[in-house]
Amino acid sequence: VLDDAPDAQQVRTLVPERSDSLVLVTSREPLDLPDLAAWVHHLPVEALDAAGAEELLTAAAQDSSGPYDAESADRIRQLCGGLPLALRVAGSSLGPRSPRTLATDLGAYGPVEPIERVLWLRYTDQSEAARRLLRRLALAGRASLGAAAAAALLATDEAEATRHLEELARSGLIDHVRGNRYRLHDLVRAFAQARLLDEEEPAERTAAQERLIVNYADLA
């Protein structure tokens, strides 16, 4: 599996010239591979329809026992562009929010991209410490990390860091990998990186980065 391939050249480099293996490639944009020594089948992934979006919203909700509201659910789907990531993150606020309130809150962000709309909503829902952790998680890149690394980023203890990791996971802003390890989706990481550069001073970013490096060295 070649997940989130950035361009055709990366795929050409990794796919063997002679092999009976099946290679599954995912990419945000269509890849042009006319010279690849393999049979290539393109399978576009469309936005979720109303039924699929409703199922994902229900699965992501903190509490889905409220009354059914088809009109609000469809409005949420439209505001999320039918994108699974946006729907999952938005759906995590259902329970504390009704579907109608969620649709209204999402719509208040105006004409922005669906992912940005949803991430802003759930980012502002978090405590200040959790927002700070999300921003600084971008410093870890694509690596997964646990409570020790999160504690280093916040300059706090592991128990508090764990609470904030769990808070972010419940909000759909970080993905649980295994055990107590978590990772950012690429689009969430880009959002967190932008917030880090915009909201924290260079000295704060550098100090957090240095504490993370020391933590990695201690675990090596």
N, C-alpha and C. Protein backbone atom coordinates (compact mmCIF):
# COMPACT_ATOMS: atom_id res chain seq x y z
N VAL A 1 0.85 -1.18 0.00
CA VAL A 1 0.00 0.00 0.00
C VAL A 1 0.89 1.24 0.00
N LEU A 2 0.71 2.12 -0.98
CA LEU A 2 1.40 3.40 -1.05
C LEU A 2 0.35 4.48 -0.75
N ASP A 3 0.30 4.89 0.50
CA ASP A 3 -0.75 5.79 0.95
C ASP A 3 -0.32 7.24 0.79
N ASP A 4 -1.24 8.07 0.25
CA ASP A 4 -1.03 9.51 0.11
C ASP A 4 0.21 9.82 -0.72
N ALA A 5 0.32 9.20 -1.86
CA ALA A 5 1.45 9.46 -2.76
C ALA A 5 1.40 10.91 -3.25
N PRO A 6 2.50 11.66 -3.13
CA PRO A 6 2.47 13.07 -3.53
C PRO A 6 2.53 13.29 -5.04
N ASP A 7 3.18 12.36 -5.76
CA ASP A 7 3.31 12.56 -7.21
C ASP A 7 3.60 11.22 -7.89
N ALA A 8 3.55 11.23 -9.23
CA ALA A 8 3.73 10.01 -10.00
C ALA A 8 5.15 9.47 -9.87
N GLN A 9 6.14 10.33 -9.72
CA GLN A 9 7.52 9.89 -9.65
C GLN A 9 7.75 8.99 -8.44
N GLN A 10 7.14 9.31 -7.33
CA GLN A 10 7.31 8.46 -6.15
C GLN A 10 6.75 7.06 -6.41
N VAL A 11 5.63 6.99 -7.10
CA VAL A 11 5.04 5.69 -7.41
C VAL A 11 5.95 4.91 -8.35
N ARG A 12 6.48 5.57 -9.38
CA ARG A 12 7.40 4.89 -10.32
C ARG A 12 8.62 4.32 -9.59
N THR A 13 9.10 5.05 -8.60
CA THR A 13 10.29 4.62 -7.86
C THR A 13 10.02 3.39 -7.02
N LEU A 14 8.83 3.28 -6.48
CA LEU A 14 8.53 2.22 -5.51
C LEU A 14 7.91 0.97 -6.12
N VAL A 15 7.27 1.10 -7.27
CA VAL A 15 6.62 -0.07 -7.88
C VAL A 15 7.66 -0.88 -8.65
N PRO A 16 7.82 -2.18 -8.34
CA PRO A 16 8.82 -3.01 -9.05
C PRO A 16 8.45 -3.19 -10.52
N GLU A 17 9.46 -3.34 -11.36
CA GLU A 17 9.22 -3.50 -12.80
C GLU A 17 8.60 -4.84 -13.14
N ARG A 18 9.03 -5.88 -12.44
CA ARG A 18 8.50 -7.23 -12.72
C ARG A 18 8.01 -7.84 -11.40
N SER A 19 6.71 -7.91 -11.27
CA SER A 19 6.12 -8.47 -10.06
C SER A 19 4.66 -8.80 -10.31
N ASP A 20 4.19 -9.86 -9.66
CA ASP A 20 2.78 -10.24 -9.74
C ASP A 20 1.99 -9.62 -8.59
N SER A 21 2.64 -8.78 -7.78
CA SER A 21 1.99 -8.20 -6.61
C SER A 21 0.99 -7.11 -7.01
N LEU A 22 0.00 -6.95 -6.17
CA LEU A 22 -0.98 -5.89 -6.35
C LEU A 22 -0.55 -4.70 -5.49
N VAL A 23 -0.45 -3.54 -6.08
CA VAL A 23 -0.06 -2.32 -5.35
C VAL A 23 -1.25 -1.37 -5.33
N LEU A 24 -1.65 -0.98 -4.13
CA LEU A 24 -2.75 -0.04 -3.96
C LEU A 24 -2.14 1.33 -3.63
N VAL A 25 -2.46 2.31 -4.45
CA VAL A 25 -1.93 3.66 -4.29
C VAL A 25 -3.08 4.61 -3.99
N THR A 26 -2.94 5.42 -2.96
CA THR A 26 -3.92 6.47 -2.70
C THR A 26 -3.24 7.82 -2.89
N SER A 27 -4.01 8.77 -3.42
CA SER A 27 -3.48 10.10 -3.68
C SER A 27 -4.63 11.09 -3.65
N ARG A 28 -4.33 12.32 -3.24
CA ARG A 28 -5.36 13.35 -3.19
C ARG A 28 -5.75 13.83 -4.59
N GLU A 29 -4.81 13.73 -5.53
CA GLU A 29 -5.06 14.15 -6.90
C GLU A 29 -4.81 12.98 -7.85
N PRO A 30 -5.48 12.94 -9.01
CA PRO A 30 -5.23 11.86 -9.99
C PRO A 30 -3.77 11.87 -10.42
N LEU A 31 -3.20 10.68 -10.58
CA LEU A 31 -1.80 10.53 -10.99
C LEU A 31 -1.74 10.04 -12.43
N ASP A 32 -0.90 10.65 -13.23
CA ASP A 32 -0.72 10.25 -14.62
C ASP A 32 0.47 9.29 -14.68
N LEU A 33 0.21 8.03 -15.01
CA LEU A 33 1.26 7.01 -15.01
C LEU A 33 1.28 6.25 -16.34
N PRO A 34 1.45 6.93 -17.45
CA PRO A 34 1.38 6.25 -18.76
C PRO A 34 2.57 5.32 -19.02
N ASP A 35 3.71 5.60 -18.39
CA ASP A 35 4.92 4.83 -18.69
C ASP A 35 5.23 3.78 -17.62
N LEU A 36 4.31 3.54 -16.72
CA LEU A 36 4.54 2.54 -15.67
C LEU A 36 4.40 1.14 -16.25
N ALA A 37 5.38 0.27 -15.92
CA ALA A 37 5.37 -1.09 -16.44
C ALA A 37 4.40 -1.97 -15.65
N ALA A 38 3.14 -1.57 -15.65
CA ALA A 38 2.11 -2.31 -14.91
C ALA A 38 0.75 -1.88 -15.44
N TRP A 39 -0.23 -2.72 -15.20
CA TRP A 39 -1.60 -2.37 -15.57
C TRP A 39 -2.15 -1.44 -14.49
N VAL A 40 -2.58 -0.27 -14.88
CA VAL A 40 -3.04 0.75 -13.94
C VAL A 40 -4.55 0.93 -14.05
N HIS A 41 -5.22 0.83 -12.93
CA HIS A 41 -6.67 1.04 -12.88
C HIS A 41 -6.97 2.20 -11.94
N HIS A 42 -7.59 3.24 -12.45
CA HIS A 42 -7.93 4.40 -11.63
C HIS A 42 -9.33 4.22 -11.04
N LEU A 43 -9.44 4.45 -9.74
CA LEU A 43 -10.72 4.32 -9.05
C LEU A 43 -10.99 5.61 -8.27
N PRO A 44 -11.72 6.54 -8.86
CA PRO A 44 -12.02 7.80 -8.14
C PRO A 44 -12.86 7.52 -6.89
N VAL A 45 -12.54 8.21 -5.83
CA VAL A 45 -13.31 8.10 -4.59
C VAL A 45 -14.18 9.35 -4.47
N GLU A 46 -15.47 9.15 -4.58
CA GLU A 46 -16.39 10.27 -4.57
C GLU A 46 -16.75 10.67 -3.14
N ALA A 47 -17.30 11.86 -3.02
CA ALA A 47 -17.81 12.31 -1.72
C ALA A 47 -18.93 11.38 -1.26
N LEU A 48 -19.11 11.27 0.05
CA LEU A 48 -20.14 10.39 0.60
C LEU A 48 -21.54 10.93 0.27
N ASP A 49 -22.44 10.01 -0.01
CA ASP A 49 -23.83 10.41 -0.22
C ASP A 49 -24.51 10.60 1.13
N ALA A 50 -25.79 10.92 1.11
CA ALA A 50 -26.52 11.23 2.34
C ALA A 50 -26.49 10.06 3.32
N ALA A 51 -26.70 8.84 2.81
CA ALA A 51 -26.74 7.67 3.70
C ALA A 51 -25.36 7.40 4.31
N GLY A 52 -24.31 7.48 3.49
CA GLY A 52 -22.97 7.25 4.00
C GLY A 52 -22.55 8.31 5.00
N ALA A 53 -22.89 9.57 4.73
CA ALA A 53 -22.55 10.65 5.65
C ALA A 53 -23.28 10.49 6.98
N GLU A 54 -24.54 10.13 6.92
CA GLU A 54 -25.31 9.94 8.15
C GLU A 54 -24.73 8.80 8.99
N GLU A 55 -24.32 7.74 8.33
CA GLU A 55 -23.72 6.62 9.06
C GLU A 55 -22.43 7.03 9.75
N LEU A 56 -21.60 7.81 9.07
CA LEU A 56 -20.33 8.24 9.64
C LEU A 56 -20.56 9.24 10.78
N LEU A 57 -21.50 10.15 10.61
CA LEU A 57 -21.81 11.09 11.68
C LEU A 57 -22.29 10.37 12.94
N THR A 58 -23.12 9.37 12.75
CA THR A 58 -23.64 8.60 13.88
C THR A 58 -22.51 7.85 14.60
N ALA A 59 -21.61 7.25 13.81
CA ALA A 59 -20.50 6.51 14.40
C ALA A 59 -19.55 7.42 15.16
N ALA A 60 -19.38 8.67 14.69
CA ALA A 60 -18.44 9.58 15.33
C ALA A 60 -19.03 10.32 16.51
N ALA A 61 -20.35 10.34 16.63
CA ALA A 61 -21.01 11.15 17.65
C ALA A 61 -20.68 10.68 19.06
N GLN A 62 -20.54 11.62 19.97
CA GLN A 62 -20.38 11.27 21.39
C GLN A 62 -21.68 10.68 21.94
N ASP A 63 -22.80 11.16 21.43
CA ASP A 63 -24.11 10.67 21.84
C ASP A 63 -25.05 10.82 20.65
N SER A 64 -25.53 9.71 20.12
CA SER A 64 -26.41 9.74 18.94
C SER A 64 -27.85 9.39 19.30
N SER A 65 -28.21 9.53 20.57
CA SER A 65 -29.54 9.12 21.01
C SER A 65 -30.60 10.20 20.82
N GLY A 66 -30.20 11.38 20.35
CA GLY A 66 -31.16 12.47 20.16
C GLY A 66 -32.10 12.20 19.02
N PRO A 67 -33.10 13.06 18.84
CA PRO A 67 -34.09 12.87 17.76
C PRO A 67 -33.44 12.99 16.39
N TYR A 68 -33.95 12.23 15.46
CA TYR A 68 -33.43 12.24 14.09
C TYR A 68 -33.79 13.56 13.41
N ASP A 69 -32.80 14.16 12.75
CA ASP A 69 -33.00 15.44 12.07
C ASP A 69 -32.35 15.34 10.70
N ALA A 70 -33.13 14.87 9.72
CA ALA A 70 -32.60 14.62 8.38
C ALA A 70 -32.15 15.91 7.72
N GLU A 71 -32.88 16.99 7.91
CA GLU A 71 -32.53 18.26 7.26
C GLU A 71 -31.18 18.77 7.76
N SER A 72 -30.97 18.73 9.07
CA SER A 72 -29.70 19.21 9.63
C SER A 72 -28.55 18.29 9.24
N ALA A 73 -28.81 16.98 9.23
CA ALA A 73 -27.77 16.03 8.85
C ALA A 73 -27.31 16.28 7.41
N ASP A 74 -28.26 16.56 6.53
CA ASP A 74 -27.89 16.82 5.14
C ASP A 74 -27.15 18.15 5.00
N ARG A 75 -27.52 19.13 5.82
CA ARG A 75 -26.82 20.42 5.80
C ARG A 75 -25.38 20.24 6.29
N ILE A 76 -25.18 19.42 7.31
CA ILE A 76 -23.83 19.13 7.81
C ILE A 76 -23.02 18.47 6.72
N ARG A 77 -23.64 17.51 6.00
CA ARG A 77 -22.92 16.83 4.91
C ARG A 77 -22.48 17.84 3.85
N GLN A 78 -23.35 18.75 3.50
CA GLN A 78 -23.00 19.76 2.49
C GLN A 78 -21.86 20.64 2.97
N LEU A 79 -21.93 21.09 4.21
CA LEU A 79 -20.88 21.97 4.75
C LEU A 79 -19.55 21.25 4.88
N CYS A 80 -19.60 19.92 5.05
CA CYS A 80 -18.38 19.11 5.14
C CYS A 80 -17.93 18.60 3.77
N GLY A 81 -18.64 18.97 2.72
CA GLY A 81 -18.27 18.54 1.38
C GLY A 81 -18.37 17.05 1.16
N GLY A 82 -19.08 16.34 2.05
CA GLY A 82 -19.16 14.88 1.95
C GLY A 82 -17.83 14.19 2.21
N LEU A 83 -16.86 14.89 2.77
CA LEU A 83 -15.53 14.32 3.00
C LEU A 83 -15.49 13.54 4.31
N PRO A 84 -15.01 12.30 4.28
CA PRO A 84 -15.01 11.48 5.50
C PRO A 84 -14.30 12.13 6.68
N LEU A 85 -13.12 12.72 6.45
CA LEU A 85 -12.39 13.34 7.56
C LEU A 85 -13.20 14.47 8.17
N ALA A 86 -13.75 15.34 7.34
CA ALA A 86 -14.54 16.47 7.85
C ALA A 86 -15.77 15.98 8.60
N LEU A 87 -16.44 14.97 8.07
CA LEU A 87 -17.64 14.44 8.73
C LEU A 87 -17.29 13.78 10.06
N ARG A 88 -16.16 13.07 10.10
CA ARG A 88 -15.76 12.40 11.34
C ARG A 88 -15.44 13.42 12.43
N VAL A 89 -14.70 14.46 12.06
CA VAL A 89 -14.34 15.48 13.04
C VAL A 89 -15.58 16.26 13.49
N ALA A 90 -16.42 16.64 12.53
CA ALA A 90 -17.65 17.36 12.89
C ALA A 90 -18.56 16.49 13.74
N GLY A 91 -18.70 15.22 13.36
CA GLY A 91 -19.60 14.32 14.08
C GLY A 91 -19.20 14.11 15.52
N SER A 92 -17.92 14.28 15.83
CA SER A 92 -17.46 14.07 17.21
C SER A 92 -18.06 15.08 18.17
N SER A 93 -18.64 16.17 17.66
CA SER A 93 -19.24 17.16 18.55
C SER A 93 -20.74 16.92 18.77
N LEU A 94 -21.30 15.92 18.07
CA LEU A 94 -22.71 15.61 18.27
C LEU A 94 -22.91 14.94 19.63
N GLY A 95 -23.90 15.37 20.32
CA GLY A 95 -24.12 14.98 21.71
C GLY A 95 -24.12 16.26 22.51
N PRO A 96 -22.93 16.85 22.72
CA PRO A 96 -22.90 18.19 23.28
C PRO A 96 -23.64 19.20 22.39
N ARG A 97 -23.57 19.00 21.08
CA ARG A 97 -24.32 19.81 20.13
C ARG A 97 -25.42 18.97 19.51
N SER A 98 -26.56 19.58 19.24
CA SER A 98 -27.59 18.92 18.43
C SER A 98 -27.20 19.04 16.97
N PRO A 99 -27.75 18.22 16.08
CA PRO A 99 -27.46 18.37 14.65
C PRO A 99 -27.75 19.77 14.13
N ARG A 100 -28.82 20.37 14.59
CA ARG A 100 -29.17 21.72 14.12
C ARG A 100 -28.13 22.74 14.58
N THR A 101 -27.69 22.62 15.84
CA THR A 101 -26.67 23.55 16.35
C THR A 101 -25.35 23.36 15.62
N LEU A 102 -25.00 22.12 15.35
CA LEU A 102 -23.76 21.85 14.63
C LEU A 102 -23.81 22.45 13.23
N ALA A 103 -24.92 22.28 12.54
CA ALA A 103 -25.06 22.85 11.20
C ALA A 103 -24.94 24.37 11.24
N THR A 104 -25.56 24.98 12.23
CA THR A 104 -25.48 26.44 12.38
C THR A 104 -24.06 26.90 12.66
N ASP A 105 -23.38 26.20 13.57
CA ASP A 105 -22.01 26.58 13.94
C ASP A 105 -21.05 26.41 12.77
N LEU A 106 -21.22 25.34 12.01
CA LEU A 106 -20.36 25.14 10.83
C LEU A 106 -20.62 26.22 9.78
N GLY A 107 -21.88 26.56 9.58
CA GLY A 107 -22.22 27.56 8.58
C GLY A 107 -21.72 28.95 8.93
N ALA A 108 -21.45 29.19 10.22
CA ALA A 108 -21.01 30.52 10.65
C ALA A 108 -19.62 30.88 10.15
N TYR A 109 -18.86 29.88 9.68
CA TYR A 109 -17.50 30.15 9.21
C TYR A 109 -17.46 30.67 7.78
N GLY A 110 -18.60 30.76 7.13
CA GLY A 110 -18.64 31.37 5.81
C GLY A 110 -18.05 30.49 4.73
N PRO A 111 -17.66 31.10 3.58
CA PRO A 111 -17.21 30.33 2.41
C PRO A 111 -15.75 29.91 2.51
N VAL A 112 -15.48 28.89 3.35
CA VAL A 112 -14.13 28.34 3.46
C VAL A 112 -14.17 26.87 3.07
N GLU A 113 -13.00 26.28 2.89
CA GLU A 113 -12.93 24.86 2.53
C GLU A 113 -13.52 24.00 3.66
N PRO A 114 -14.17 22.89 3.32
CA PRO A 114 -14.81 22.06 4.35
C PRO A 114 -13.89 21.62 5.47
N ILE A 115 -12.67 21.17 5.13
CA ILE A 115 -11.75 20.71 6.17
C ILE A 115 -11.39 21.86 7.10
N GLU A 116 -11.08 23.01 6.52
CA GLU A 116 -10.70 24.17 7.34
C GLU A 116 -11.86 24.58 8.26
N ARG A 117 -13.07 24.56 7.73
CA ARG A 117 -14.25 24.92 8.51
C ARG A 117 -14.39 24.03 9.75
N VAL A 118 -14.27 22.72 9.53
CA VAL A 118 -14.46 21.76 10.62
C VAL A 118 -13.32 21.84 11.63
N LEU A 119 -12.10 21.97 11.14
CA LEU A 119 -10.96 22.02 12.06
C LEU A 119 -10.99 23.28 12.92
N TRP A 120 -11.39 24.40 12.35
CA TRP A 120 -11.52 25.61 13.15
C TRP A 120 -12.57 25.42 14.24
N LEU A 121 -13.68 24.81 13.88
CA LEU A 121 -14.75 24.60 14.87
C LEU A 121 -14.25 23.78 16.05
N ARG A 122 -13.64 22.64 15.76
CA ARG A 122 -13.23 21.74 16.84
C ARG A 122 -11.99 22.25 17.57
N TYR A 123 -11.16 23.00 16.86
CA TYR A 123 -9.99 23.61 17.51
C TYR A 123 -10.44 24.61 18.57
N THR A 124 -11.39 25.46 18.23
CA THR A 124 -11.86 26.46 19.19
C THR A 124 -12.67 25.82 20.32
N ASP A 125 -13.15 24.60 20.14
CA ASP A 125 -13.86 23.90 21.20
C ASP A 125 -12.93 23.43 22.32
N GLN A 126 -11.63 23.31 22.03
CA GLN A 126 -10.70 22.69 22.97
C GLN A 126 -10.26 23.67 24.07
N SER A 127 -9.76 23.10 25.14
CA SER A 127 -9.15 23.92 26.18
C SER A 127 -7.86 24.54 25.63
N GLU A 128 -7.36 25.56 26.28
CA GLU A 128 -6.14 26.21 25.82
C GLU A 128 -4.97 25.23 25.79
N ALA A 129 -4.86 24.39 26.81
CA ALA A 129 -3.74 23.42 26.85
C ALA A 129 -3.85 22.43 25.71
N ALA A 130 -5.07 21.98 25.41
CA ALA A 130 -5.24 21.02 24.31
C ALA A 130 -4.94 21.68 22.97
N ARG A 131 -5.33 22.93 22.79
CA ARG A 131 -4.99 23.64 21.56
C ARG A 131 -3.47 23.78 21.42
N ARG A 132 -2.82 24.09 22.52
CA ARG A 132 -1.36 24.22 22.49
C ARG A 132 -0.71 22.90 22.11
N LEU A 133 -1.22 21.80 22.66
CA LEU A 133 -0.66 20.50 22.32
C LEU A 133 -0.88 20.18 20.85
N LEU A 134 -2.08 20.44 20.33
CA LEU A 134 -2.33 20.17 18.92
C LEU A 134 -1.35 20.94 18.04
N ARG A 135 -1.16 22.21 18.35
CA ARG A 135 -0.21 23.01 17.56
C ARG A 135 1.18 22.38 17.58
N ARG A 136 1.63 22.00 18.76
CA ARG A 136 3.00 21.52 18.91
C ARG A 136 3.19 20.08 18.42
N LEU A 137 2.09 19.34 18.29
CA LEU A 137 2.21 18.01 17.71
C LEU A 137 2.72 18.07 16.29
N ALA A 138 2.50 19.20 15.62
CA ALA A 138 3.01 19.36 14.25
C ALA A 138 4.53 19.26 14.22
N LEU A 139 5.19 19.53 15.34
CA LEU A 139 6.65 19.47 15.40
C LEU A 139 7.16 18.04 15.27
N ALA A 140 6.30 17.06 15.51
CA ALA A 140 6.70 15.65 15.43
C ALA A 140 6.62 15.12 14.01
N GLY A 141 6.13 15.90 13.06
CA GLY A 141 6.02 15.43 11.69
C GLY A 141 5.01 14.31 11.58
N ARG A 142 5.33 13.30 10.77
CA ARG A 142 4.40 12.20 10.55
C ARG A 142 4.52 11.09 11.59
N ALA A 143 5.47 11.22 12.49
CA ALA A 143 5.69 10.16 13.49
C ALA A 143 4.54 10.12 14.49
N SER A 144 4.23 8.92 14.97
CA SER A 144 3.28 8.80 16.07
C SER A 144 4.02 9.08 17.37
N LEU A 145 3.29 9.49 18.38
CA LEU A 145 3.93 9.75 19.67
C LEU A 145 2.97 9.43 20.80
N GLY A 146 3.55 9.30 21.98
CA GLY A 146 2.76 8.95 23.16
C GLY A 146 2.81 10.03 24.21
N ALA A 147 2.45 9.63 25.44
CA ALA A 147 2.32 10.60 26.52
C ALA A 147 3.64 11.28 26.87
N ALA A 148 4.75 10.54 26.81
CA ALA A 148 6.04 11.12 27.19
C ALA A 148 6.42 12.26 26.25
N ALA A 149 6.27 12.04 24.95
CA ALA A 149 6.59 13.09 23.99
C ALA A 149 5.63 14.26 24.11
N ALA A 150 4.34 13.97 24.33
CA ALA A 150 3.36 15.04 24.49
C ALA A 150 3.66 15.86 25.74
N ALA A 151 4.08 15.18 26.80
CA ALA A 151 4.44 15.89 28.03
C ALA A 151 5.63 16.81 27.79
N ALA A 152 6.58 16.33 26.99
CA ALA A 152 7.74 17.16 26.67
C ALA A 152 7.33 18.40 25.88
N LEU A 153 6.42 18.25 24.94
CA LEU A 153 5.97 19.39 24.15
C LEU A 153 5.27 20.44 25.01
N LEU A 154 4.57 19.98 26.05
CA LEU A 154 3.83 20.91 26.91
C LEU A 154 4.60 21.30 28.16
N ALA A 155 5.75 20.65 28.40
CA ALA A 155 6.51 20.89 29.63
C ALA A 155 5.64 20.59 30.85
N THR A 156 4.99 19.42 30.82
CA THR A 156 4.12 19.02 31.91
C THR A 156 4.36 17.54 32.21
N ASP A 157 3.52 16.94 33.07
CA ASP A 157 3.70 15.53 33.39
C ASP A 157 2.88 14.67 32.44
N GLU A 158 3.18 13.36 32.44
CA GLU A 158 2.53 12.45 31.49
C GLU A 158 1.04 12.30 31.74
N ALA A 159 0.62 12.37 33.00
CA ALA A 159 -0.81 12.22 33.30
C ALA A 159 -1.61 13.34 32.65
N GLU A 160 -1.13 14.58 32.78
CA GLU A 160 -1.84 15.70 32.16
C GLU A 160 -1.78 15.60 30.65
N ALA A 161 -0.63 15.23 30.11
CA ALA A 161 -0.49 15.10 28.66
C ALA A 161 -1.45 14.04 28.12
N THR A 162 -1.60 12.94 28.84
CA THR A 162 -2.51 11.88 28.43
C THR A 162 -3.95 12.39 28.36
N ARG A 163 -4.34 13.19 29.35
CA ARG A 163 -5.71 13.74 29.34
C ARG A 163 -5.94 14.59 28.10
N HIS A 164 -4.95 15.38 27.73
CA HIS A 164 -5.13 16.24 26.56
C HIS A 164 -5.10 15.43 25.26
N LEU A 165 -4.28 14.39 25.19
CA LEU A 165 -4.28 13.52 24.03
C LEU A 165 -5.65 12.87 23.85
N GLU A 166 -6.21 12.39 24.94
CA GLU A 166 -7.51 11.75 24.88
C GLU A 166 -8.61 12.75 24.50
N GLU A 167 -8.47 13.97 24.98
CA GLU A 167 -9.41 15.03 24.63
C GLU A 167 -9.38 15.31 23.13
N LEU A 168 -8.18 15.40 22.58
CA LEU A 168 -8.03 15.65 21.14
C LEU A 168 -8.53 14.47 20.32
N ALA A 169 -8.29 13.25 20.81
CA ALA A 169 -8.76 12.06 20.10
C ALA A 169 -10.28 11.99 20.08
N ARG A 170 -10.91 12.32 21.19
CA ARG A 170 -12.38 12.33 21.23
C ARG A 170 -12.96 13.36 20.26
N SER A 171 -12.20 14.39 20.00
CA SER A 171 -12.65 15.44 19.09
C SER A 171 -12.30 15.14 17.64
N GLY A 172 -11.68 13.98 17.38
CA GLY A 172 -11.35 13.59 16.02
C GLY A 172 -10.15 14.33 15.45
N LEU A 173 -9.41 15.08 16.29
CA LEU A 173 -8.30 15.88 15.79
C LEU A 173 -6.99 15.12 15.72
N ILE A 174 -6.88 14.01 16.44
CA ILE A 174 -5.73 13.12 16.31
C ILE A 174 -6.24 11.69 16.21
N ASP A 175 -5.45 10.85 15.57
CA ASP A 175 -5.84 9.46 15.35
C ASP A 175 -5.12 8.55 16.34
N HIS A 176 -5.87 7.65 16.96
CA HIS A 176 -5.27 6.66 17.85
C HIS A 176 -4.63 5.57 17.00
N VAL A 177 -3.34 5.32 17.21
CA VAL A 177 -2.61 4.33 16.42
C VAL A 177 -2.65 2.98 17.12
N ARG A 178 -2.12 2.93 18.31
CA ARG A 178 -2.13 1.72 19.12
C ARG A 178 -1.68 2.09 20.52
N GLY A 179 -2.10 1.29 21.50
CA GLY A 179 -1.68 1.57 22.87
C GLY A 179 -2.01 3.00 23.26
N ASN A 180 -0.98 3.74 23.66
CA ASN A 180 -1.17 5.15 24.00
C ASN A 180 -0.51 6.07 22.99
N ARG A 181 -0.41 5.60 21.75
CA ARG A 181 0.24 6.40 20.71
C ARG A 181 -0.78 6.99 19.74
N TYR A 182 -0.48 8.21 19.31
CA TYR A 182 -1.40 8.96 18.46
C TYR A 182 -0.61 9.60 17.32
N ARG A 183 -1.36 10.00 16.29
CA ARG A 183 -0.73 10.62 15.12
C ARG A 183 -1.72 11.60 14.50
N LEU A 184 -1.16 12.63 13.84
CA LEU A 184 -1.98 13.61 13.13
C LEU A 184 -2.21 13.19 11.68
N HIS A 185 -3.43 13.36 11.21
CA HIS A 185 -3.68 13.26 9.77
C HIS A 185 -2.93 14.39 9.08
N ASP A 186 -2.50 14.18 7.84
CA ASP A 186 -1.70 15.18 7.14
C ASP A 186 -2.41 16.54 7.08
N LEU A 187 -3.72 16.55 6.83
CA LEU A 187 -4.44 17.82 6.72
C LEU A 187 -4.57 18.50 8.08
N VAL A 188 -4.73 17.70 9.13
CA VAL A 188 -4.77 18.27 10.48
C VAL A 188 -3.39 18.81 10.84
N ARG A 189 -2.33 18.10 10.42
CA ARG A 189 -0.98 18.58 10.71
C ARG A 189 -0.72 19.92 10.04
N ALA A 190 -1.17 20.07 8.80
CA ALA A 190 -0.98 21.35 8.10
C ALA A 190 -1.72 22.47 8.83
N PHE A 191 -2.92 22.18 9.33
CA PHE A 191 -3.68 23.17 10.09
C PHE A 191 -2.94 23.50 11.38
N ALA A 192 -2.47 22.47 12.09
CA ALA A 192 -1.76 22.69 13.36
C ALA A 192 -0.48 23.49 13.14
N GLN A 193 0.23 23.19 12.04
CA GLN A 193 1.46 23.92 11.73
C GLN A 193 1.17 25.40 11.49
N ALA A 194 0.10 25.69 10.78
CA ALA A 194 -0.27 27.08 10.53
C ALA A 194 -0.62 27.80 11.82
N ARG A 195 -1.34 27.11 12.70
CA ARG A 195 -1.70 27.71 13.99
C ARG A 195 -0.45 27.91 14.85
N LEU A 196 0.49 26.97 14.78
CA LEU A 196 1.73 27.08 15.56
C LEU A 196 2.51 28.33 15.14
N LEU A 197 2.65 28.53 13.84
CA LEU A 197 3.41 29.68 13.35
C LEU A 197 2.69 30.99 13.65
N ASP A 198 1.37 30.95 13.67
CA ASP A 198 0.59 32.16 13.85
C ASP A 198 0.41 32.54 15.31
N GLU A 199 0.36 31.54 16.20
CA GLU A 199 -0.06 31.81 17.57
C GLU A 199 1.05 31.69 18.61
N GLU A 200 2.21 31.15 18.24
CA GLU A 200 3.28 31.00 19.22
C GLU A 200 4.54 31.73 18.77
N GLU A 201 5.26 32.24 19.74
CA GLU A 201 6.51 32.94 19.46
C GLU A 201 7.59 31.95 19.04
N PRO A 202 8.55 32.41 18.22
CA PRO A 202 9.65 31.52 17.80
C PRO A 202 10.36 30.86 18.98
N ALA A 203 10.57 31.61 20.04
CA ALA A 203 11.26 31.04 21.21
C ALA A 203 10.47 29.89 21.83
N GLU A 204 9.14 30.01 21.85
CA GLU A 204 8.29 28.95 22.39
C GLU A 204 8.37 27.71 21.51
N ARG A 205 8.32 27.92 20.19
CA ARG A 205 8.40 26.78 19.27
C ARG A 205 9.75 26.07 19.40
N THR A 206 10.81 26.86 19.49
CA THR A 206 12.15 26.26 19.60
C THR A 206 12.30 25.48 20.90
N ALA A 207 11.80 26.03 21.99
CA ALA A 207 11.90 25.35 23.27
C ALA A 207 11.14 24.03 23.26
N ALA A 208 9.95 24.04 22.66
CA ALA A 208 9.16 22.80 22.57
C ALA A 208 9.87 21.77 21.71
N GLN A 209 10.45 22.21 20.59
CA GLN A 209 11.19 21.31 19.71
C GLN A 209 12.39 20.70 20.43
N GLU A 210 13.11 21.50 21.20
CA GLU A 210 14.28 21.00 21.93
C GLU A 210 13.89 20.00 23.00
N ARG A 211 12.78 20.24 23.69
CA ARG A 211 12.32 19.28 24.70
C ARG A 211 11.92 17.97 24.04
N LEU A 212 11.30 18.04 22.86
CA LEU A 212 10.93 16.82 22.15
C LEU A 212 12.15 16.01 21.75
N ILE A 213 13.17 16.70 21.26
CA ILE A 213 14.42 16.02 20.85
C ILE A 213 15.08 15.35 22.06
N VAL A 214 15.11 16.04 23.19
CA VAL A 214 15.68 15.46 24.42
C VAL A 214 14.90 14.23 24.84
N ASN A 215 13.56 14.31 24.71
CA ASN A 215 12.74 13.14 25.05
C ASN A 215 13.05 11.96 24.17
N TYR A 216 13.19 12.20 22.86
CA TYR A 216 13.55 11.12 21.94
C TYR A 216 14.91 10.53 22.30
N ALA A 217 15.87 11.39 22.66
CA ALA A 217 17.21 10.92 23.01
C ALA A 217 17.17 10.07 24.27
N ASP A 218 16.33 10.46 25.23
CA ASP A 218 16.24 9.68 26.47
C ASP A 218 15.65 8.31 26.23
N LEU A 219 14.78 8.19 25.22
CA LEU A 219 14.13 6.91 24.94
C LEU A 219 14.98 6.02 24.03
N ALA A 220 16.01 6.59 23.41
CA ALA A 220 16.83 5.83 22.45
C ALA A 220 17.69 4.80 23.17
